[in-house]
Each structure stands twice: as C-alpha cells, then as structure tokens.
Amino acid sequence: MSPGIESSPAPADPLRVAVAERLADGDLRLPLLPRVASQVVALVGSPQTDANRLAELIHRDPALAGHVLRIANSPAYMPRMPIVSLQQAVSRLGFNVVAEIAFAASVQSGVFKVPGYESVLLQLWRHALTSGAFAKEVARARRLNVEGAFLCGLLHAVGKPALLQLVTDVARARGLPLEPALLFALLDELHPLVGLRIGEQWGLPKPVLAAIEHYGSYGQAGAFRQDAMVTFLADRLATHILDAAVFGSDQAFRETPVIADLNLYPDDVANLLSRKDRVLDQVSAMVA
C-alpha cells in the first residue's frame, strides 16, 4: 500500500446486509409455542399441579403420549419394569422429568422445521437437548434451580431455526449463494436477537430470556447472571461433547473461564464430564 493512501473497508456480504435489513424491519416469521408446551410450563409453575393433570394433558395428543412413553421406556431412563401408562411414567421418573420430555418433544415438532435443512436442524436439536441436560447437571453442582436451568439450556439457541428459515428465504428471494460457512456464521451471530423476540412472544420466564440474550456475554445479564453463566457452561459442555475438535481435549475445556466464574472445582468439572454417556443416552432417546 502506498504511504498516505487508506484502504477501503471490505464490502459487506450482500446476504448479511439483506438479512440485517429484514431483522431491522421486523420482517420475521416467529414460531408459535406449541399449545402443549405452553400448558406444560403452566402446570409446572402451578401449586395445584399433580401427576394426573400432566398425564391428562399429554393424553390429548396421542402422538406425543406415545413419544413420551417410548422415551420413558428407553435405556436412558432404565425402567425396571415396562412403563405402560403416563401416570406410571410420572410415578417412576418424576413429574419434572416427564414434563421436560413432553415440553421438549412438543417444541421440536412445532419449531424445528425448515424443509431441505433437516440435517442442520437435527444438529441444532441435539445441541439444544445436550445443553438442557448439562444445564441441569451444572445447576445441581451449584445447588440452583434444576428445572429452570433445563429450560435455559434447551432454549438458549431457539432463535436459530427461525433465523435459518429467514436466511434461506432471503437467499432464495435475492438469488444469492448460501455457503455453509456464511450460514453458520449468521446463525451464531444473530440468533440471540431472534431468540429473544421468540421468548418474549412465548412469555418465557425472565431468567430464560436473559439466558437467551446474554449467555455468551453473561456479564451483561444483571440479576440473572448466574442463569446465563450456567447456560453458557452447558452450551460449552454440549459443544465439547458433540464436536471434540472445538476444544481438542478435556484439559483445554477445563480452561474455559466460566468454570472459574461459577466457582466450580476440578472435581466438579470432572463429575460433569463423567456424565457424558448418561447425557448422550438421554439425547439419543429424545431424537430417535
């Protein structure tokens, strides 16, 4: 470069610009929270809740009822005897576990749908489930609310499926190429914004909204910093378990700063990593 001549900034990618314009205009189709999922959240938060109410709710959707029973009978939950009814599932696995299974299954069927991108959605869904399971384990280690942590972990990247639909729609409408590297970069960069809009529309609890918006910058989560930290560590655990190349080794993972910020000891981290097979069994049961 000649002295005194400044280089011009590289032009922004046309697809990135077009997606940003659509988001700024609010031109985005937000998925609705499936009715069963909404009702499950209400039941979990109700003091009058009991196993019969949960079983009755799930029974209203025969496909969901069959899905819950199949998962309850999977090796991941190791029932000693076959579970033949939803009431039995609640009795043996616990109310909260069955509610989590029903909520997750309902969200998957209603939200994670973009024709032609089934493999990407499966990857996103496995990450969501793994994050939800690990969020519970981190919450237990820190003696925090386990059920709330599951929701934070499961939904922290809920904006990605809606954003995937938006990006593919824009690329198709503008006749722009959609390279995988750019697609995943846009999902990573923009999903908190989209996820927050979805969470607000769904009326999600404030800790979950904070986790969606700030898990990657948990210092900005204010009163919900702890929830955001738990979610971020769950996300990092899921990434480490599902894609070993990201960290390269358990030792490299242990250097993740959020571990120290959560005041977790080496034994705590070793215990979390030891849950890998159990978590993956639960995830496999959910996606089968």
C-alpha atoms as a PDB file:
ATOM      1  CA  MET A   1       0.000   0.000   0.000  1.00  0.00           C
ATOM      2  CA  SER A   2       1.347   3.471  -0.863  1.00  0.00           C
ATOM      3  CA  PRO A   3       2.009   5.864   2.031  1.00  0.00           C
ATOM      4  CA  GLY A   4      -0.888   8.173   2.780  1.00  0.00           C
ATOM      5  CA  ILE A   5      -3.434   6.017   0.950  1.00  0.00           C
ATOM      6  CA  GLU A   6      -6.008   4.344   3.200  1.00  0.00           C
ATOM      7  CA  SER A   7      -7.577   1.085   2.179  1.00  0.00           C
ATOM      8  CA  SER A   8     -11.333   0.993   1.701  1.00  0.00           C
ATOM      9  CA  PRO A   9     -13.283  -1.312   4.040  1.00  0.00           C
ATOM     10  CA  ALA A  10     -14.244  -4.613   2.502  1.00  0.00           C
ATOM     11  CA  PRO A  11     -17.814  -4.520   1.186  1.00  0.00           C
ATOM     12  CA  ALA A  12     -20.342  -6.275   3.406  1.00  0.00           C
ATOM     13  CA  ASP A  13     -21.654  -9.575   2.134  1.00  0.00           C
ATOM     14  CA  PRO A  14     -24.951  -8.918   0.283  1.00  0.00           C
ATOM     15  CA  LEU A  15     -26.727 -11.744   2.098  1.00  0.00           C
ATOM     16  CA  ARG A  16     -25.626 -10.472   5.506  1.00  0.00           C
ATOM     17  CA  VAL A  17     -26.865  -6.986   4.611  1.00  0.00           C
ATOM     18  CA  ALA A  18     -30.213  -8.284   3.357  1.00  0.00           C
ATOM     19  CA  VAL A  19     -30.784 -10.400   6.483  1.00  0.00           C
ATOM     20  CA  ALA A  20     -29.899  -7.446   8.730  1.00  0.00           C
ATOM     21  CA  GLU A  21     -32.407  -5.276   6.856  1.00  0.00           C
ATOM     22  CA  ARG A  22     -35.159  -7.847   7.312  1.00  0.00           C
ATOM     23  CA  LEU A  23     -34.442  -8.086  11.036  1.00  0.00           C
ATOM     24  CA  ALA A  24     -34.347  -4.305  11.420  1.00  0.00           C
ATOM     25  CA  ASP A  25     -37.740  -4.070   9.683  1.00  0.00           C
ATOM     26  CA  GLY A  26     -39.170  -6.765  11.969  1.00  0.00           C
ATOM     27  CA  ASP A  27     -39.901  -8.865   8.887  1.00  0.00           C
ATOM     28  CA  LEU A  28     -39.522 -12.246  10.547  1.00  0.00           C
ATOM     29  CA  ARG A  29     -41.908 -15.141  10.997  1.00  0.00           C
ATOM     30  CA  LEU A  30     -41.745 -16.150  14.651  1.00  0.00           C
ATOM     31  CA  PRO A  31     -42.808 -19.683  15.512  1.00  0.00           C
ATOM     32  CA  LEU A  32     -45.666 -20.114  17.958  1.00  0.00           C
ATOM     33  CA  LEU A  33     -45.068 -22.019  21.169  1.00  0.00           C
ATOM     34  CA  PRO A  34     -46.987 -25.288  20.714  1.00  0.00           C
ATOM     35  CA  ARG A  35     -50.072 -25.388  22.921  1.00  0.00           C
ATOM     36  CA  VAL A  36     -48.981 -28.484  24.826  1.00  0.00           C
ATOM     37  CA  ALA A  37     -45.586 -26.941  25.595  1.00  0.00           C
ATOM     38  CA  SER A  38     -47.257 -23.775  26.879  1.00  0.00           C
ATOM     39  CA  GLN A  39     -49.618 -25.786  29.063  1.00  0.00           C
ATOM     40  CA  VAL A  40     -46.776 -27.911  30.426  1.00  0.00           C
ATOM     41  CA  VAL A  41     -44.917 -24.756  31.527  1.00  0.00           C
ATOM     42  CA  ALA A  42     -48.105 -23.514  33.228  1.00  0.00           C
ATOM     43  CA  LEU A  43     -48.587 -26.837  35.011  1.00  0.00           C
ATOM     44  CA  VAL A  44     -45.011 -26.910  36.284  1.00  0.00           C
ATOM     45  CA  GLY A  45     -45.489 -23.450  37.776  1.00  0.00           C
ATOM     46  CA  SER A  46     -48.866 -24.196  39.355  1.00  0.00           C
ATOM     47  CA  PRO A  47     -49.151 -25.118  43.052  1.00  0.00           C
ATOM     48  CA  GLN A  48     -52.186 -27.318  42.244  1.00  0.00           C
ATOM     49  CA  THR A  49     -50.243 -29.479  39.811  1.00  0.00           C
ATOM     50  CA  ASP A  50     -50.344 -33.264  40.127  1.00  0.00           C
ATOM     51  CA  ALA A  51     -49.437 -36.304  38.058  1.00  0.00           C
ATOM     52  CA  ASN A  52     -52.990 -36.827  36.809  1.00  0.00           C
ATOM     53  CA  ARG A  53     -53.190 -33.333  35.333  1.00  0.00           C
ATOM     54  CA  LEU A  54     -49.922 -33.778  33.491  1.00  0.00           C
ATOM     55  CA  ALA A  55     -50.936 -37.212  32.203  1.00  0.00           C
ATOM     56  CA  GLU A  56     -54.320 -35.870  31.063  1.00  0.00           C
ATOM     57  CA  LEU A  57     -52.650 -33.010  29.209  1.00  0.00           C
ATOM     58  CA  ILE A  58     -50.234 -35.290  27.363  1.00  0.00           C
ATOM     59  CA  HIS A  59     -53.027 -37.756  26.550  1.00  0.00           C
ATOM     60  CA  ARG A  60     -54.746 -35.068  24.470  1.00  0.00           C
ATOM     61  CA  ASP A  61     -52.033 -35.533  21.840  1.00  0.00           C
ATOM     62  CA  PRO A  62     -51.824 -39.290  21.047  1.00  0.00           C
ATOM     63  CA  ALA A  63     -48.566 -38.899  19.086  1.00  0.00           C
ATOM     64  CA  LEU A  64     -46.957 -37.012  21.977  1.00  0.00           C
ATOM     65  CA  ALA A  65     -48.248 -39.554  24.500  1.00  0.00           C
ATOM     66  CA  GLY A  66     -46.674 -42.390  22.516  1.00  0.00           C
ATOM     67  CA  HIS A  67     -43.439 -40.439  22.206  1.00  0.00           C
ATOM     68  CA  VAL A  68     -43.255 -39.821  25.961  1.00  0.00           C
ATOM     69  CA  LEU A  69     -43.918 -43.475  26.785  1.00  0.00           C
ATOM     70  CA  ARG A  70     -41.282 -44.630  24.302  1.00  0.00           C
ATOM     71  CA  ILE A  71     -38.682 -42.353  25.846  1.00  0.00           C
ATOM     72  CA  ALA A  72     -39.700 -43.341  29.386  1.00  0.00           C
ATOM     73  CA  ASN A  73     -39.078 -46.992  28.443  1.00  0.00           C
ATOM     74  CA  SER A  74     -35.729 -46.313  26.776  1.00  0.00           C
ATOM     75  CA  PRO A  75     -32.388 -47.498  28.225  1.00  0.00           C
ATOM     76  CA  ALA A  76     -31.608 -43.864  29.055  1.00  0.00           C
ATOM     77  CA  TYR A  77     -34.120 -43.996  31.917  1.00  0.00           C
ATOM     78  CA  MET A  78     -33.595 -47.679  32.757  1.00  0.00           C
ATOM     79  CA  PRO A  79     -37.073 -48.677  33.974  1.00  0.00           C
ATOM     80  CA  ARG A  80     -37.025 -51.914  35.962  1.00  0.00           C
ATOM     81  CA  MET A  81     -40.420 -52.888  34.590  1.00  0.00           C
ATOM     82  CA  PRO A  82     -42.139 -51.696  31.406  1.00  0.00           C
ATOM     83  CA  ILE A  83     -43.963 -48.389  31.862  1.00  0.00           C
ATOM     84  CA  VAL A  84     -47.427 -48.787  30.372  1.00  0.00           C
ATOM     85  CA  SER A  85     -49.157 -45.521  31.315  1.00  0.00           C
ATOM     86  CA  LEU A  86     -48.324 -41.855  31.674  1.00  0.00           C
ATOM     87  CA  GLN A  87     -49.298 -41.949  35.345  1.00  0.00           C
ATOM     88  CA  GLN A  88     -46.754 -44.742  35.804  1.00  0.00           C
ATOM     89  CA  ALA A  89     -44.134 -42.701  33.958  1.00  0.00           C
ATOM     90  CA  VAL A  90     -44.659 -39.749  36.291  1.00  0.00           C
ATOM     91  CA  SER A  91     -44.559 -42.017  39.340  1.00  0.00           C
ATOM     92  CA  ARG A  92     -41.296 -43.704  38.354  1.00  0.00           C
ATOM     93  CA  LEU A  93     -39.402 -40.939  36.582  1.00  0.00           C
ATOM     94  CA  GLY A  94     -40.784 -37.965  38.482  1.00  0.00           C
ATOM     95  CA  PHE A  95     -43.130 -35.180  37.499  1.00  0.00           C
ATOM     96  CA  ASN A  96     -40.419 -32.805  36.313  1.00  0.00           C
ATOM     97  CA  VAL A  97     -38.646 -35.355  34.106  1.00  0.00           C
ATOM     98  CA  VAL A  98     -41.866 -36.290  32.293  1.00  0.00           C
ATOM     99  CA  ALA A  99     -42.763 -32.601  31.938  1.00  0.00           C
ATOM    100  CA  GLU A 100     -39.335 -31.920  30.403  1.00  0.00           C
ATOM    101  CA  ILE A 101     -39.740 -34.798  27.947  1.00  0.00           C
ATOM    102  CA  ALA A 102     -43.204 -33.580  26.903  1.00  0.00           C
ATOM    103  CA  PHE A 103     -42.097 -29.953  26.594  1.00  0.00           C
ATOM    104  CA  ALA A 104     -39.019 -30.801  24.543  1.00  0.00           C
ATOM    105  CA  ALA A 105     -40.908 -33.139  22.214  1.00  0.00           C
ATOM    106  CA  SER A 106     -43.619 -30.539  21.662  1.00  0.00           C
ATOM    107  CA  VAL A 107     -41.099 -27.779  20.897  1.00  0.00           C
ATOM    108  CA  GLN A 108     -39.195 -29.984  18.470  1.00  0.00           C
ATOM    109  CA  SER A 109     -42.287 -30.853  16.464  1.00  0.00           C
ATOM    110  CA  GLY A 110     -43.532 -27.267  16.338  1.00  0.00           C
ATOM    111  CA  VAL A 111     -40.366 -25.199  15.947  1.00  0.00           C
ATOM    112  CA  PHE A 112     -37.516 -27.163  14.387  1.00  0.00           C
ATOM    113  CA  LYS A 113     -38.845 -27.315  10.826  1.00  0.00           C
ATOM    114  CA  VAL A 114     -37.142 -25.887   7.740  1.00  0.00           C
ATOM    115  CA  PRO A 115     -37.672 -28.032   4.618  1.00  0.00           C
ATOM    116  CA  GLY A 116     -34.415 -29.075   2.996  1.00  0.00           C
ATOM    117  CA  TYR A 117     -32.313 -28.444   6.089  1.00  0.00           C
ATOM    118  CA  GLU A 118     -33.256 -31.485   8.147  1.00  0.00           C
ATOM    119  CA  SER A 119     -29.633 -32.411   8.887  1.00  0.00           C
ATOM    120  CA  VAL A 120     -28.845 -28.902  10.148  1.00  0.00           C
ATOM    121  CA  LEU A 121     -31.970 -28.894  12.311  1.00  0.00           C
ATOM    122  CA  LEU A 122     -31.054 -32.289  13.763  1.00  0.00           C
ATOM    123  CA  GLN A 123     -27.635 -30.913  14.660  1.00  0.00           C
ATOM    124  CA  LEU A 124     -29.242 -27.876  16.323  1.00  0.00           C
ATOM    125  CA  TRP A 125     -31.740 -30.037  18.180  1.00  0.00           C
ATOM    126  CA  ARG A 126     -29.093 -32.413  19.503  1.00  0.00           C
ATOM    127  CA  HIS A 127     -27.139 -29.414  20.758  1.00  0.00           C
ATOM    128  CA  ALA A 128     -30.250 -27.966  22.428  1.00  0.00           C
ATOM    129  CA  LEU A 129     -31.065 -31.234  24.196  1.00  0.00           C
ATOM    130  CA  THR A 130     -27.471 -31.779  25.275  1.00  0.00           C
ATOM    131  CA  SER A 131     -27.288 -28.227  26.614  1.00  0.00           C
ATOM    132  CA  GLY A 132     -30.530 -28.706  28.515  1.00  0.00           C
ATOM    133  CA  ALA A 133     -29.303 -31.923  30.114  1.00  0.00           C
ATOM    134  CA  PHE A 134     -25.941 -30.432  31.063  1.00  0.00           C
ATOM    135  CA  ALA A 135     -27.583 -27.270  32.410  1.00  0.00           C
ATOM    136  CA  LYS A 136     -29.386 -29.465  34.935  1.00  0.00           C
ATOM    137  CA  GLU A 137     -26.107 -31.086  35.946  1.00  0.00           C
ATOM    138  CA  VAL A 138     -24.381 -27.707  36.371  1.00  0.00           C
ATOM    139  CA  ALA A 139     -27.332 -26.403  38.388  1.00  0.00           C
ATOM    140  CA  ARG A 140     -27.140 -29.422  40.687  1.00  0.00           C
ATOM    141  CA  ALA A 141     -23.432 -28.825  41.204  1.00  0.00           C
ATOM    142  CA  ARG A 142     -24.157 -25.196  42.157  1.00  0.00           C
ATOM    143  CA  ARG A 143     -27.341 -26.069  44.120  1.00  0.00           C
ATOM    144  CA  LEU A 144     -29.501 -23.943  41.832  1.00  0.00           C
ATOM    145  CA  ASN A 145     -32.967 -24.438  40.338  1.00  0.00           C
ATOM    146  CA  VAL A 146     -32.655 -27.505  38.118  1.00  0.00           C
ATOM    147  CA  GLU A 147     -35.948 -27.170  36.226  1.00  0.00           C
ATOM    148  CA  GLY A 148     -35.277 -23.535  35.322  1.00  0.00           C
ATOM    149  CA  ALA A 149     -31.770 -24.453  34.188  1.00  0.00           C
ATOM    150  CA  PHE A 150     -33.158 -27.093  31.829  1.00  0.00           C
ATOM    151  CA  LEU A 151     -35.360 -24.525  30.087  1.00  0.00           C
ATOM    152  CA  CYS A 152     -32.445 -22.098  29.783  1.00  0.00           C
ATOM    153  CA  GLY A 153     -30.201 -24.768  28.299  1.00  0.00           C
ATOM    154  CA  LEU A 154     -32.807 -26.193  25.950  1.00  0.00           C
ATOM    155  CA  LEU A 155     -33.962 -22.823  24.591  1.00  0.00           C
ATOM    156  CA  HIS A 156     -30.796 -20.715  24.674  1.00  0.00           C
ATOM    157  CA  ALA A 157     -30.394 -21.007  20.882  1.00  0.00           C
ATOM    158  CA  VAL A 158     -34.094 -21.267  19.992  1.00  0.00           C
ATOM    159  CA  GLY A 159     -33.604 -18.375  17.579  1.00  0.00           C
ATOM    160  CA  LYS A 160     -31.503 -20.479  15.228  1.00  0.00           C
ATOM    161  CA  PRO A 161     -34.309 -22.435  13.489  1.00  0.00           C
ATOM    162  CA  ALA A 162     -36.307 -19.251  12.810  1.00  0.00           C
ATOM    163  CA  LEU A 163     -33.158 -17.485  11.637  1.00  0.00           C
ATOM    164  CA  LEU A 164     -32.298 -20.443   9.417  1.00  0.00           C
ATOM    165  CA  GLN A 165     -35.683 -20.054   7.738  1.00  0.00           C
ATOM    166  CA  LEU A 166     -35.153 -16.314   7.326  1.00  0.00           C
ATOM    167  CA  VAL A 167     -31.660 -16.655   5.840  1.00  0.00           C
ATOM    168  CA  THR A 168     -32.730 -19.332   3.365  1.00  0.00           C
ATOM    169  CA  ASP A 169     -35.798 -17.286   2.358  1.00  0.00           C
ATOM    170  CA  VAL A 170     -33.676 -14.163   1.757  1.00  0.00           C
ATOM    171  CA  ALA A 171     -31.039 -16.060  -0.208  1.00  0.00           C
ATOM    172  CA  ARG A 172     -33.711 -17.626  -2.402  1.00  0.00           C
ATOM    173  CA  ALA A 173     -35.595 -14.355  -2.953  1.00  0.00           C
ATOM    174  CA  ARG A 174     -32.435 -12.400  -3.842  1.00  0.00           C
ATOM    175  CA  GLY A 175     -30.819 -15.180  -5.859  1.00  0.00           C
ATOM    176  CA  LEU A 176     -27.781 -15.101  -3.552  1.00  0.00           C
ATOM    177  CA  PRO A 177     -25.458 -18.039  -2.896  1.00  0.00           C
ATOM    178  CA  LEU A 178     -25.690 -19.581   0.559  1.00  0.00           C
ATOM    179  CA  GLU A 179     -22.356 -21.024   1.579  1.00  0.00           C
ATOM    180  CA  PRO A 180     -22.410 -23.229   4.715  1.00  0.00           C
ATOM    181  CA  ALA A 181     -19.693 -21.150   6.403  1.00  0.00           C
ATOM    182  CA  LEU A 182     -21.710 -17.944   5.992  1.00  0.00           C
ATOM    183  CA  LEU A 183     -24.935 -19.658   7.050  1.00  0.00           C
ATOM    184  CA  PHE A 184     -23.491 -20.899  10.336  1.00  0.00           C
ATOM    185  CA  ALA A 185     -21.741 -17.573  10.954  1.00  0.00           C
ATOM    186  CA  LEU A 186     -25.066 -15.740  10.618  1.00  0.00           C
ATOM    187  CA  LEU A 187     -26.800 -18.232  12.927  1.00  0.00           C
ATOM    188  CA  ASP A 188     -24.113 -17.800  15.582  1.00  0.00           C
ATOM    189  CA  GLU A 189     -24.067 -14.003  15.361  1.00  0.00           C
ATOM    190  CA  LEU A 190     -27.768 -13.196  15.143  1.00  0.00           C
ATOM    191  CA  HIS A 191     -29.652 -15.939  16.972  1.00  0.00           C
ATOM    192  CA  PRO A 192     -29.766 -14.167  20.398  1.00  0.00           C
ATOM    193  CA  LEU A 193     -31.716 -11.273  18.850  1.00  0.00           C
ATOM    194  CA  VAL A 194     -34.188 -13.607  17.154  1.00  0.00           C
ATOM    195  CA  GLY A 195     -34.376 -15.920  20.166  1.00  0.00           C
ATOM    196  CA  LEU A 196     -35.219 -13.004  22.462  1.00  0.00           C
ATOM    197  CA  ARG A 197     -38.099 -12.000  20.184  1.00  0.00           C
ATOM    198  CA  ILE A 198     -39.386 -15.563  20.239  1.00  0.00           C
ATOM    199  CA  GLY A 199     -39.004 -15.831  24.010  1.00  0.00           C
ATOM    200  CA  GLU A 200     -40.886 -12.581  24.585  1.00  0.00           C
ATOM    201  CA  GLN A 201     -43.682 -13.705  22.280  1.00  0.00           C
ATOM    202  CA  TRP A 202     -43.887 -17.017  24.151  1.00  0.00           C
ATOM    203  CA  GLY A 203     -43.946 -15.315  27.542  1.00  0.00           C
ATOM    204  CA  LEU A 204     -40.935 -17.238  28.814  1.00  0.00           C
ATOM    205  CA  PRO A 205     -39.674 -16.578  32.367  1.00  0.00           C
ATOM    206  CA  LYS A 206     -37.202 -13.714  32.774  1.00  0.00           C
ATOM    207  CA  PRO A 207     -34.216 -15.963  33.617  1.00  0.00           C
ATOM    208  CA  VAL A 208     -34.748 -17.847  30.340  1.00  0.00           C
ATOM    209  CA  LEU A 209     -34.986 -14.590  28.376  1.00  0.00           C
ATOM    210  CA  ALA A 210     -31.756 -13.387  29.991  1.00  0.00           C
ATOM    211  CA  ALA A 211     -30.038 -16.672  29.165  1.00  0.00           C
ATOM    212  CA  ILE A 212     -31.131 -16.446  25.526  1.00  0.00           C
ATOM    213  CA  GLU A 213     -29.929 -12.872  25.162  1.00  0.00           C
ATOM    214  CA  HIS A 214     -26.793 -12.915  27.292  1.00  0.00           C
ATOM    215  CA  TYR A 215     -25.478 -16.448  27.776  1.00  0.00           C
ATOM    216  CA  GLY A 216     -22.489 -15.626  25.579  1.00  0.00           C
ATOM    217  CA  SER A 217     -21.935 -12.311  27.403  1.00  0.00           C
ATOM    218  CA  TYR A 218     -23.140 -13.275  30.860  1.00  0.00           C
ATOM    219  CA  GLY A 219     -21.514 -10.260  32.464  1.00  0.00           C
ATOM    220  CA  GLN A 220     -24.361  -8.223  30.951  1.00  0.00           C
ATOM    221  CA  ALA A 221     -27.170 -10.403  32.347  1.00  0.00           C
ATOM    222  CA  GLY A 222     -27.672  -8.320  35.502  1.00  0.00           C
ATOM    223  CA  ALA A 223     -29.745 -10.087  38.138  1.00  0.00           C
ATOM    224  CA  PHE A 224     -29.766 -13.236  36.000  1.00  0.00           C
ATOM    225  CA  ARG A 225     -26.006 -13.515  35.587  1.00  0.00           C
ATOM    226  CA  GLN A 226     -25.968 -16.886  37.352  1.00  0.00           C
ATOM    227  CA  ASP A 227     -28.585 -18.320  34.970  1.00  0.00           C
ATOM    228  CA  ALA A 228     -26.643 -17.023  31.980  1.00  0.00           C
ATOM    229  CA  MET A 229     -23.382 -18.494  33.306  1.00  0.00           C
ATOM    230  CA  VAL A 230     -24.951 -21.912  33.870  1.00  0.00           C
ATOM    231  CA  THR A 231     -26.374 -21.773  30.354  1.00  0.00           C
ATOM    232  CA  PHE A 232     -23.057 -20.770  28.826  1.00  0.00           C
ATOM    233  CA  LEU A 233     -21.204 -23.611  30.546  1.00  0.00           C
ATOM    234  CA  ALA A 234     -23.927 -26.033  29.439  1.00  0.00           C
ATOM    235  CA  ASP A 235     -23.521 -24.768  25.872  1.00  0.00           C
ATOM    236  CA  ARG A 236     -19.732 -25.232  26.082  1.00  0.00           C
ATOM    237  CA  LEU A 237     -20.143 -28.743  27.516  1.00  0.00           C
ATOM    238  CA  ALA A 238     -22.545 -29.651  24.715  1.00  0.00           C
ATOM    239  CA  THR A 239     -20.131 -28.276  22.127  1.00  0.00           C
ATOM    240  CA  HIS A 240     -17.211 -30.189  23.657  1.00  0.00           C
ATOM    241  CA  ILE A 241     -19.142 -33.463  23.787  1.00  0.00           C
ATOM    242  CA  LEU A 242     -20.713 -33.212  20.324  1.00  0.00           C
ATOM    243  CA  ASP A 243     -17.704 -31.766  18.474  1.00  0.00           C
ATOM    244  CA  ALA A 244     -14.432 -32.846  20.092  1.00  0.00           C
ATOM    245  CA  ALA A 245     -12.411 -30.764  17.632  1.00  0.00           C
ATOM    246  CA  VAL A 246     -13.566 -27.457  19.143  1.00  0.00           C
ATOM    247  CA  PHE A 247     -11.598 -27.778  22.384  1.00  0.00           C
ATOM    248  CA  GLY A 248      -9.369 -30.655  21.380  1.00  0.00           C
ATOM    249  CA  SER A 249      -9.083 -32.147  24.867  1.00  0.00           C
ATOM    250  CA  ASP A 250     -10.731 -32.213  28.286  1.00  0.00           C
ATOM    251  CA  GLN A 251      -7.822 -30.191  29.631  1.00  0.00           C
ATOM    252  CA  ALA A 252      -8.404 -27.410  27.114  1.00  0.00           C
ATOM    253  CA  PHE A 253     -12.083 -27.409  28.028  1.00  0.00           C
ATOM    254  CA  ARG A 254     -11.219 -27.037  31.717  1.00  0.00           C
ATOM    255  CA  GLU A 255      -9.606 -23.703  30.913  1.00  0.00           C
ATOM    256  CA  THR A 256     -12.975 -22.196  29.919  1.00  0.00           C
ATOM    257  CA  PRO A 257     -13.220 -19.002  32.044  1.00  0.00           C
ATOM    258  CA  VAL A 258     -16.865 -19.546  33.023  1.00  0.00           C
ATOM    259  CA  ILE A 259     -15.803 -22.540  35.122  1.00  0.00           C
ATOM    260  CA  ALA A 260     -13.855 -20.260  37.454  1.00  0.00           C
ATOM    261  CA  ASP A 261     -16.619 -17.644  37.357  1.00  0.00           C
ATOM    262  CA  LEU A 262     -19.061 -20.279  38.621  1.00  0.00           C
ATOM    263  CA  ASN A 263     -16.605 -21.261  41.391  1.00  0.00           C
ATOM    264  CA  LEU A 264     -16.530 -24.858  40.222  1.00  0.00           C
ATOM    265  CA  TYR A 265     -13.669 -27.013  41.496  1.00  0.00           C
ATOM    266  CA  PRO A 266     -11.715 -29.523  39.396  1.00  0.00           C
ATOM    267  CA  ASP A 267     -13.709 -32.370  40.948  1.00  0.00           C
ATOM    268  CA  ASP A 268     -16.933 -30.640  39.932  1.00  0.00           C
ATOM    269  CA  VAL A 269     -15.754 -30.380  36.335  1.00  0.00           C
ATOM    270  CA  ALA A 270     -14.576 -33.992  36.325  1.00  0.00           C
ATOM    271  CA  ASN A 271     -18.004 -35.039  37.589  1.00  0.00           C
ATOM    272  CA  LEU A 272     -19.737 -33.046  34.834  1.00  0.00           C
ATOM    273  CA  LEU A 273     -17.558 -34.626  32.154  1.00  0.00           C
ATOM    274  CA  SER A 274     -18.217 -38.072  33.627  1.00  0.00           C
ATOM    275  CA  ARG A 275     -21.946 -37.599  32.852  1.00  0.00           C
ATOM    276  CA  LYS A 276     -21.230 -37.613  29.121  1.00  0.00           C
ATOM    277  CA  ASP A 277     -22.588 -41.097  28.381  1.00  0.00           C
ATOM    278  CA  ARG A 278     -25.678 -40.598  30.510  1.00  0.00           C
ATOM    279  CA  VAL A 279     -26.468 -37.301  28.803  1.00  0.00           C
ATOM    280  CA  LEU A 280     -25.889 -38.708  25.319  1.00  0.00           C
ATOM    281  CA  ASP A 281     -28.175 -41.662  26.099  1.00  0.00           C
ATOM    282  CA  GLN A 282     -30.949 -39.242  27.066  1.00  0.00           C
ATOM    283  CA  VAL A 283     -30.394 -37.166  23.947  1.00  0.00           C
ATOM    284  CA  SER A 284     -30.415 -40.261  21.725  1.00  0.00           C
ATOM    285  CA  ALA A 285     -33.727 -41.345  23.278  1.00  0.00           C
ATOM    286  CA  MET A 286     -35.240 -37.941  22.501  1.00  0.00           C
ATOM    287  CA  VAL A 287     -34.110 -37.757  18.869  1.00  0.00           C
ATOM    288  CA  ALA A 288     -34.765 -41.386  17.909  1.00  0.00           C
END
